[in-house]
């Protein structure tokens, strides 16, 4: 059996893995920020308003991006030869040893 680089496919759902890692770090960073707002922020209506606006905006952005991503077919695979066909040796030359 011969190995052919053009016969390889990259599943599109790999992009979702990168997105999930980004969302995980965003949520952890947001919780870190909310903790510091609650602990070191000046107590009052302003702090409550800032926390509500920040949390609401985060929920809207994350939910909106998830609903937008649900409309795509993530089971499709991209053949590697389509990616390699766009490669131009003048842009990024490969040196032969």
Protein backbone atom coordinates (compact mmCIF):
# COMPACT_ATOMS: atom_id res chain seq x y z
CA UNK A 1 0.00 0.00 0.00
CA UNK A 2 1.50 3.28 -1.10
CA UNK A 3 1.34 6.41 1.00
CA UNK A 4 -0.12 9.38 -0.83
CA UNK A 5 -0.19 12.78 0.80
CA UNK A 6 -3.00 13.90 -1.48
CA UNK A 7 -5.21 11.05 -0.23
CA UNK A 8 -5.28 12.45 3.31
CA UNK A 9 -8.30 14.39 4.54
CA UNK A 10 -8.57 16.88 7.38
CA UNK A 11 -11.94 16.81 9.14
CA UNK A 12 -13.50 20.23 9.57
CA UNK A 13 -14.45 19.53 13.18
CA UNK A 14 -10.77 20.05 14.07
CA UNK A 15 -11.64 23.76 13.95
CA UNK A 16 -14.20 23.13 16.69
CA UNK A 17 -11.48 21.75 18.94
CA UNK A 18 -9.52 25.00 18.58
CA UNK A 19 -12.71 26.97 19.22
CA UNK A 20 -13.50 24.92 22.35
CA UNK A 21 -10.02 25.55 23.74
CA UNK A 22 -10.46 29.29 23.08
CA UNK A 23 -13.88 29.32 24.80
CA UNK A 24 -12.45 27.41 27.77
CA UNK A 25 -9.69 29.98 28.26
CA UNK A 26 -12.19 32.81 27.79
CA UNK A 27 -14.49 31.41 30.47
CA UNK A 28 -11.60 30.88 32.90
CA UNK A 29 -10.34 34.42 32.29
CA UNK A 30 -13.86 35.82 32.71
CA UNK A 31 -14.31 34.03 36.02
CA UNK A 32 -10.92 35.38 37.13
CA UNK A 33 -12.05 38.91 36.21
CA UNK A 34 -15.42 38.54 37.92
CA UNK A 35 -13.74 37.27 41.07
CA UNK A 36 -11.46 40.31 41.17
CA UNK A 37 -14.35 42.67 40.44
CA UNK A 38 -16.34 41.24 43.34
CA UNK A 39 -13.42 41.08 45.76
CA UNK A 40 -11.61 44.35 45.01
CA UNK A 41 -14.28 46.44 43.26
CA UNK A 42 -16.07 49.30 44.95
CA UNK A 43 -19.36 47.92 46.27
CA UNK A 44 -22.51 49.53 45.05
CA UNK A 45 -24.91 49.80 42.16
CA UNK A 46 -22.09 50.53 39.68
CA UNK A 47 -20.34 47.24 40.42
CA UNK A 48 -23.59 45.32 40.14
CA UNK A 49 -24.35 47.01 36.81
CA UNK A 50 -20.85 46.28 35.45
CA UNK A 51 -21.06 42.61 36.44
CA UNK A 52 -24.55 42.23 34.91
CA UNK A 53 -23.53 43.93 31.64
CA UNK A 54 -20.30 41.90 31.40
CA UNK A 55 -22.06 38.60 32.12
CA UNK A 56 -24.95 39.37 29.77
CA UNK A 57 -22.60 40.40 26.97
CA UNK A 58 -20.54 37.25 27.44
CA UNK A 59 -23.63 35.04 27.33
CA UNK A 60 -24.90 36.79 24.19
CA UNK A 61 -21.57 36.50 22.36
CA UNK A 62 -20.93 32.86 23.27
CA UNK A 63 -24.52 31.75 22.61
CA UNK A 64 -24.63 33.68 19.33
CA UNK A 65 -21.40 32.11 18.10
CA UNK A 66 -22.56 28.62 19.11
CA UNK A 67 -25.92 29.01 17.31
CA UNK A 68 -24.09 30.36 14.26
CA UNK A 69 -21.68 27.41 14.29
CA UNK A 70 -24.55 24.91 14.54
CA UNK A 71 -25.62 25.82 11.00
CA UNK A 72 -22.47 24.27 9.46
CA UNK A 73 -21.93 20.64 8.50
CA UNK A 74 -18.92 19.63 10.63
CA UNK A 75 -18.69 16.10 9.26
CA UNK A 76 -17.17 17.20 5.95
CA UNK A 77 -13.51 16.45 5.34
CA UNK A 78 -11.22 18.70 3.32
CA UNK A 79 -8.87 16.75 1.03
CA UNK A 80 -5.27 17.73 1.62
CA UNK A 81 -4.62 18.00 -2.11
CA UNK A 82 -6.99 21.01 -2.26
CA UNK A 83 -4.89 22.76 0.35
CA UNK A 84 -1.64 21.79 -1.34
CA UNK A 85 -2.92 22.91 -4.75
CA UNK A 86 -3.07 26.48 -3.42
CA UNK A 87 0.58 26.26 -2.37
CA UNK A 88 2.88 28.39 -4.47
CA UNK A 89 6.61 27.69 -4.39
CA UNK A 90 7.39 31.35 -5.12
CA UNK A 91 5.67 32.48 -1.91
CA UNK A 92 7.23 29.94 0.43
CA UNK A 93 10.10 28.10 -1.24
CA UNK A 94 11.11 24.74 0.16
CA UNK A 95 14.85 24.24 0.20
CA UNK A 96 16.10 20.81 -0.81
CA UNK A 97 18.97 19.40 1.20
